[in-house]
Amino acid sequence: MSKVPMTVRGHELLQEELRRLKGVDRPNVVKAIAEARAHGDLRENAEYHAAKEQQGFIEARIKDIEGKLSHKQVIDVAAVDARGKVIFGSTVVILDESTDRETSYKIVGEDEADIKHGMISYTSPIARALIGKDEGDAIEFQAPDGTKTYDILEVRYE
């Protein structure tokens, strides 16, 4: 398996989620299964089946997180000398040439991506177009609604 890049914050969030899943959610679902079993016939016990399904989701997520953490590559953008280039972890302010609208994105790992908070995955088309470019460059990439052109106004490493 290849390395899974993540920011320092993304690494902390995954570790925190893993602790919660193992320390809170897993014990709670085991307790819920035991309580549902006490109600009798398991074939028609919706609470039992719901708890077992929840247990499956929890165990799958634990396995997923443990796999990612075992192959992690934590990148502290503040410690990297990128010389003004857009890299993983950097924050980029871009200007849409067609609408004159400024947008700010932070390029992060897949688990950290949250477009509502301006955090995009390094695998997204726009991030792939941005990485390696310099402040002042123009980029062009294929979006679902056609070709987009942006100017890179600012690159920050925070």
C-alpha atoms as a PDB file:
ATOM      1  CA  MET A   1       0.000   0.000   0.000  1.00  0.00           C
ATOM      2  CA  SER A   2       1.260   3.476  -0.798  1.00  0.00           C
ATOM      3  CA  LYS A   3       1.717   6.297   1.666  1.00  0.00           C
ATOM      4  CA  VAL A   4      -1.399   8.180   2.784  1.00  0.00           C
ATOM      5  CA  PRO A   5      -0.573  11.902   2.960  1.00  0.00           C
ATOM      6  CA  MET A   6      -2.248  13.923   5.686  1.00  0.00           C
ATOM      7  CA  THR A   7      -1.735  17.195   7.466  1.00  0.00           C
ATOM      8  CA  VAL A   8      -0.763  17.350  11.137  1.00  0.00           C
ATOM      9  CA  ARG A   9      -4.361  18.329  11.976  1.00  0.00           C
ATOM     10  CA  GLY A  10      -5.763  15.494   9.835  1.00  0.00           C
ATOM     11  CA  HIS A  11      -3.524  13.020  11.656  1.00  0.00           C
ATOM     12  CA  GLU A  12      -4.713  14.298  15.039  1.00  0.00           C
ATOM     13  CA  LEU A  13      -8.370  14.068  13.955  1.00  0.00           C
ATOM     14  CA  LEU A  14      -7.985  10.466  12.780  1.00  0.00           C
ATOM     15  CA  GLN A  15      -6.284   9.473  16.038  1.00  0.00           C
ATOM     16  CA  GLU A  16      -9.058  11.182  17.995  1.00  0.00           C
ATOM     17  CA  GLU A  17     -11.761   9.394  15.977  1.00  0.00           C
ATOM     18  CA  LEU A  18     -10.023   6.047  16.503  1.00  0.00           C
ATOM     19  CA  ARG A  19      -9.864   6.618  20.283  1.00  0.00           C
ATOM     20  CA  ARG A  20     -13.586   7.499  20.327  1.00  0.00           C
ATOM     21  CA  LEU A  21     -14.556   4.487  18.234  1.00  0.00           C
ATOM     22  CA  LYS A  22     -12.567   2.071  20.404  1.00  0.00           C
ATOM     23  CA  GLY A  23     -13.216   3.701  23.775  1.00  0.00           C
ATOM     24  CA  VAL A  24     -16.845   4.880  23.490  1.00  0.00           C
ATOM     25  CA  ASP A  25     -18.690   3.658  20.415  1.00  0.00           C
ATOM     26  CA  ARG A  26     -17.502   0.026  20.460  1.00  0.00           C
ATOM     27  CA  PRO A  27     -18.344  -0.552  24.157  1.00  0.00           C
ATOM     28  CA  ASN A  28     -21.736   1.153  23.696  1.00  0.00           C
ATOM     29  CA  VAL A  29     -22.703  -1.074  20.781  1.00  0.00           C
ATOM     30  CA  VAL A  30     -21.582  -4.210  22.651  1.00  0.00           C
ATOM     31  CA  LYS A  31     -23.813  -3.139  25.521  1.00  0.00           C
ATOM     32  CA  ALA A  32     -26.720  -2.484  23.114  1.00  0.00           C
ATOM     33  CA  ILE A  33     -26.296  -5.960  21.597  1.00  0.00           C
ATOM     34  CA  ALA A  34     -26.328  -7.560  25.055  1.00  0.00           C
ATOM     35  CA  GLU A  35     -29.488  -5.649  25.998  1.00  0.00           C
ATOM     36  CA  ALA A  36     -31.202  -6.614  22.736  1.00  0.00           C
ATOM     37  CA  ARG A  37     -30.292 -10.275  23.280  1.00  0.00           C
ATOM     38  CA  ALA A  38     -31.984 -10.148  26.649  1.00  0.00           C
ATOM     39  CA  HIS A  39     -35.270  -9.335  24.918  1.00  0.00           C
ATOM     40  CA  GLY A  40     -35.533 -12.846  23.496  1.00  0.00           C
ATOM     41  CA  ASP A  41     -36.035 -14.108  19.925  1.00  0.00           C
ATOM     42  CA  LEU A  42     -33.246 -12.602  17.805  1.00  0.00           C
ATOM     43  CA  ARG A  43     -34.895 -13.357  14.444  1.00  0.00           C
ATOM     44  CA  GLU A  44     -37.537 -10.664  14.956  1.00  0.00           C
ATOM     45  CA  ASN A  45     -35.545  -8.333  17.161  1.00  0.00           C
ATOM     46  CA  ALA A  46     -35.009  -5.078  15.223  1.00  0.00           C
ATOM     47  CA  GLU A  47     -32.894  -3.548  18.008  1.00  0.00           C
ATOM     48  CA  TYR A  48     -30.501  -6.503  17.875  1.00  0.00           C
ATOM     49  CA  HIS A  49     -30.145  -6.304  14.081  1.00  0.00           C
ATOM     50  CA  ALA A  50     -29.647  -2.522  14.174  1.00  0.00           C
ATOM     51  CA  ALA A  51     -26.968  -2.861  16.872  1.00  0.00           C
ATOM     52  CA  LYS A  52     -25.181  -5.618  14.916  1.00  0.00           C
ATOM     53  CA  GLU A  53     -25.234  -3.446  11.795  1.00  0.00           C
ATOM     54  CA  GLN A  54     -23.838  -0.515  13.782  1.00  0.00           C
ATOM     55  CA  GLN A  55     -21.134  -2.799  15.161  1.00  0.00           C
ATOM     56  CA  GLY A  56     -20.168  -3.729  11.599  1.00  0.00           C
ATOM     57  CA  PHE A  57     -19.866  -0.061  10.617  1.00  0.00           C
ATOM     58  CA  ILE A  58     -17.746   0.711  13.684  1.00  0.00           C
ATOM     59  CA  GLU A  59     -15.400  -2.238  13.123  1.00  0.00           C
ATOM     60  CA  ALA A  60     -15.008  -1.362   9.420  1.00  0.00           C
ATOM     61  CA  ARG A  61     -14.180   2.253  10.247  1.00  0.00           C
ATOM     62  CA  ILE A  62     -11.661   1.179  12.905  1.00  0.00           C
ATOM     63  CA  LYS A  63      -9.963  -1.084  10.362  1.00  0.00           C
ATOM     64  CA  ASP A  64      -9.972   1.699   7.751  1.00  0.00           C
ATOM     65  CA  ILE A  65      -8.436   4.259  10.125  1.00  0.00           C
ATOM     66  CA  GLU A  66      -5.823   1.809  11.437  1.00  0.00           C
ATOM     67  CA  GLY A  67      -4.829   1.031   7.834  1.00  0.00           C
ATOM     68  CA  LYS A  68      -4.450   4.700   6.980  1.00  0.00           C
ATOM     69  CA  LEU A  69      -2.502   5.452  10.137  1.00  0.00           C
ATOM     70  CA  SER A  70      -0.146   2.533   9.493  1.00  0.00           C
ATOM     71  CA  HIS A  71       0.689   4.014   6.066  1.00  0.00           C
ATOM     72  CA  LYS A  72       0.533   7.680   7.011  1.00  0.00           C
ATOM     73  CA  GLN A  73       2.834  10.373   5.764  1.00  0.00           C
ATOM     74  CA  VAL A  74       2.254  13.397   7.974  1.00  0.00           C
ATOM     75  CA  ILE A  75       3.235  16.577   6.174  1.00  0.00           C
ATOM     76  CA  ASP A  76       3.792  19.706   8.250  1.00  0.00           C
ATOM     77  CA  VAL A  77       3.525  22.446   5.627  1.00  0.00           C
ATOM     78  CA  ALA A  78       5.040  25.016   8.003  1.00  0.00           C
ATOM     79  CA  ALA A  79       8.271  22.987   8.115  1.00  0.00           C
ATOM     80  CA  VAL A  80       8.617  22.666   4.326  1.00  0.00           C
ATOM     81  CA  ASP A  81      10.494  25.243   2.266  1.00  0.00           C
ATOM     82  CA  ALA A  82       8.220  25.338  -0.791  1.00  0.00           C
ATOM     83  CA  ARG A  83       9.546  28.664  -2.119  1.00  0.00           C
ATOM     84  CA  GLY A  84       6.117  30.008  -3.038  1.00  0.00           C
ATOM     85  CA  LYS A  85       4.890  26.863  -4.805  1.00  0.00           C
ATOM     86  CA  VAL A  86       1.495  25.299  -4.185  1.00  0.00           C
ATOM     87  CA  ILE A  87       2.066  22.050  -2.264  1.00  0.00           C
ATOM     88  CA  PHE A  88       0.073  19.614  -0.171  1.00  0.00           C
ATOM     89  CA  GLY A  89      -1.116  21.455   2.935  1.00  0.00           C
ATOM     90  CA  SER A  90      -0.823  24.950   1.504  1.00  0.00           C
ATOM     91  CA  THR A  91      -3.682  27.422   1.373  1.00  0.00           C
ATOM     92  CA  VAL A  92      -4.275  28.971  -2.035  1.00  0.00           C
ATOM     93  CA  VAL A  93      -6.313  32.063  -2.883  1.00  0.00           C
ATOM     94  CA  ILE A  94      -7.518  31.917  -6.475  1.00  0.00           C
ATOM     95  CA  LEU A  95      -9.518  34.211  -8.731  1.00  0.00           C
ATOM     96  CA  ASP A  96     -12.091  32.764 -11.127  1.00  0.00           C
ATOM     97  CA  GLU A  97     -11.455  34.624 -14.385  1.00  0.00           C
ATOM     98  CA  SER A  98     -15.038  34.173 -15.612  1.00  0.00           C
ATOM     99  CA  THR A  99     -16.775  35.516 -12.482  1.00  0.00           C
ATOM    100  CA  ASP A 100     -14.060  37.654 -10.823  1.00  0.00           C
ATOM    101  CA  ARG A 101     -14.766  35.753  -7.589  1.00  0.00           C
ATOM    102  CA  GLU A 102     -11.980  34.976  -5.114  1.00  0.00           C
ATOM    103  CA  THR A 103     -11.922  31.624  -3.338  1.00  0.00           C
ATOM    104  CA  SER A 104      -9.544  30.165  -0.775  1.00  0.00           C
ATOM    105  CA  TYR A 105      -8.732  26.450  -0.609  1.00  0.00           C
ATOM    106  CA  LYS A 106      -6.481  24.402   1.629  1.00  0.00           C
ATOM    107  CA  ILE A 107      -5.137  21.265  -0.057  1.00  0.00           C
ATOM    108  CA  VAL A 108      -5.493  18.345   2.351  1.00  0.00           C
ATOM    109  CA  GLY A 109      -5.773  14.552   2.542  1.00  0.00           C
ATOM    110  CA  GLU A 110      -8.878  12.687   1.411  1.00  0.00           C
ATOM    111  CA  ASP A 111     -10.243  12.204   4.954  1.00  0.00           C
ATOM    112  CA  GLU A 112      -9.857  15.895   5.755  1.00  0.00           C
ATOM    113  CA  ALA A 113     -11.566  17.268   2.643  1.00  0.00           C
ATOM    114  CA  ASP A 114     -14.596  19.437   3.381  1.00  0.00           C
ATOM    115  CA  ILE A 115     -15.568  21.801   0.586  1.00  0.00           C
ATOM    116  CA  LYS A 116     -17.883  23.802   2.888  1.00  0.00           C
ATOM    117  CA  HIS A 117     -14.816  24.777   4.922  1.00  0.00           C
ATOM    118  CA  GLY A 118     -12.566  25.359   1.910  1.00  0.00           C
ATOM    119  CA  MET A 119     -10.606  22.133   2.317  1.00  0.00           C
ATOM    120  CA  ILE A 120     -10.100  20.148  -0.893  1.00  0.00           C
ATOM    121  CA  SER A 121      -8.512  16.753  -1.417  1.00  0.00           C
ATOM    122  CA  TYR A 122      -5.146  16.650  -3.138  1.00  0.00           C
ATOM    123  CA  THR A 123      -6.764  14.161  -5.567  1.00  0.00           C
ATOM    124  CA  SER A 124      -9.427  16.630  -6.756  1.00  0.00           C
ATOM    125  CA  PRO A 125      -9.048  18.019 -10.290  1.00  0.00           C
ATOM    126  CA  ILE A 126      -8.520  21.591  -9.093  1.00  0.00           C
ATOM    127  CA  ALA A 127      -5.903  20.567  -6.509  1.00  0.00           C
ATOM    128  CA  ARG A 128      -4.030  18.506  -9.102  1.00  0.00           C
ATOM    129  CA  ALA A 129      -4.005  21.571 -11.380  1.00  0.00           C
ATOM    130  CA  LEU A 130      -2.768  23.821  -8.555  1.00  0.00           C
ATOM    131  CA  ILE A 131       0.014  21.655  -7.078  1.00  0.00           C
ATOM    132  CA  GLY A 132       3.426  22.713  -8.323  1.00  0.00           C
ATOM    133  CA  LYS A 133       2.289  26.113  -9.583  1.00  0.00           C
ATOM    134  CA  ASP A 134       3.505  29.473  -8.260  1.00  0.00           C
ATOM    135  CA  GLU A 135       1.759  32.581  -7.000  1.00  0.00           C
ATOM    136  CA  GLY A 136       0.831  34.643 -10.067  1.00  0.00           C
ATOM    137  CA  ASP A 137       0.402  31.614 -12.352  1.00  0.00           C
ATOM    138  CA  ALA A 138      -2.837  30.842 -14.159  1.00  0.00           C
ATOM    139  CA  ILE A 139      -4.296  27.331 -14.155  1.00  0.00           C
ATOM    140  CA  GLU A 140      -6.820  25.655 -16.354  1.00  0.00           C
ATOM    141  CA  PHE A 141      -8.624  22.438 -15.510  1.00  0.00           C
ATOM    142  CA  GLN A 142     -11.628  20.415 -16.546  1.00  0.00           C
ATOM    143  CA  ALA A 143     -14.565  20.830 -14.144  1.00  0.00           C
ATOM    144  CA  PRO A 144     -17.864  18.944 -14.462  1.00  0.00           C
ATOM    145  CA  ASP A 145     -19.425  22.022 -16.075  1.00  0.00           C
ATOM    146  CA  GLY A 146     -16.550  22.715 -18.476  1.00  0.00           C
ATOM    147  CA  THR A 147     -13.065  24.171 -18.550  1.00  0.00           C
ATOM    148  CA  LYS A 148     -12.265  26.618 -15.740  1.00  0.00           C
ATOM    149  CA  THR A 149      -9.462  29.163 -15.591  1.00  0.00           C
ATOM    150  CA  TYR A 150      -8.127  30.627 -12.338  1.00  0.00           C
ATOM    151  CA  ASP A 151      -5.328  32.990 -11.372  1.00  0.00           C
ATOM    152  CA  ILE A 152      -3.311  32.115  -8.261  1.00  0.00           C
ATOM    153  CA  LEU A 153      -3.339  35.258  -6.127  1.00  0.00           C
ATOM    154  CA  GLU A 154      -1.687  34.005  -2.944  1.00  0.00           C
ATOM    155  CA  VAL A 155      -0.033  30.890  -1.494  1.00  0.00           C
ATOM    156  CA  ARG A 156       0.178  30.511   2.299  1.00  0.00           C
ATOM    157  CA  TYR A 157       1.771  27.833   4.479  1.00  0.00           C
ATOM    158  CA  GLU A 158      -0.181  27.773   7.741  1.00  0.00           C
END
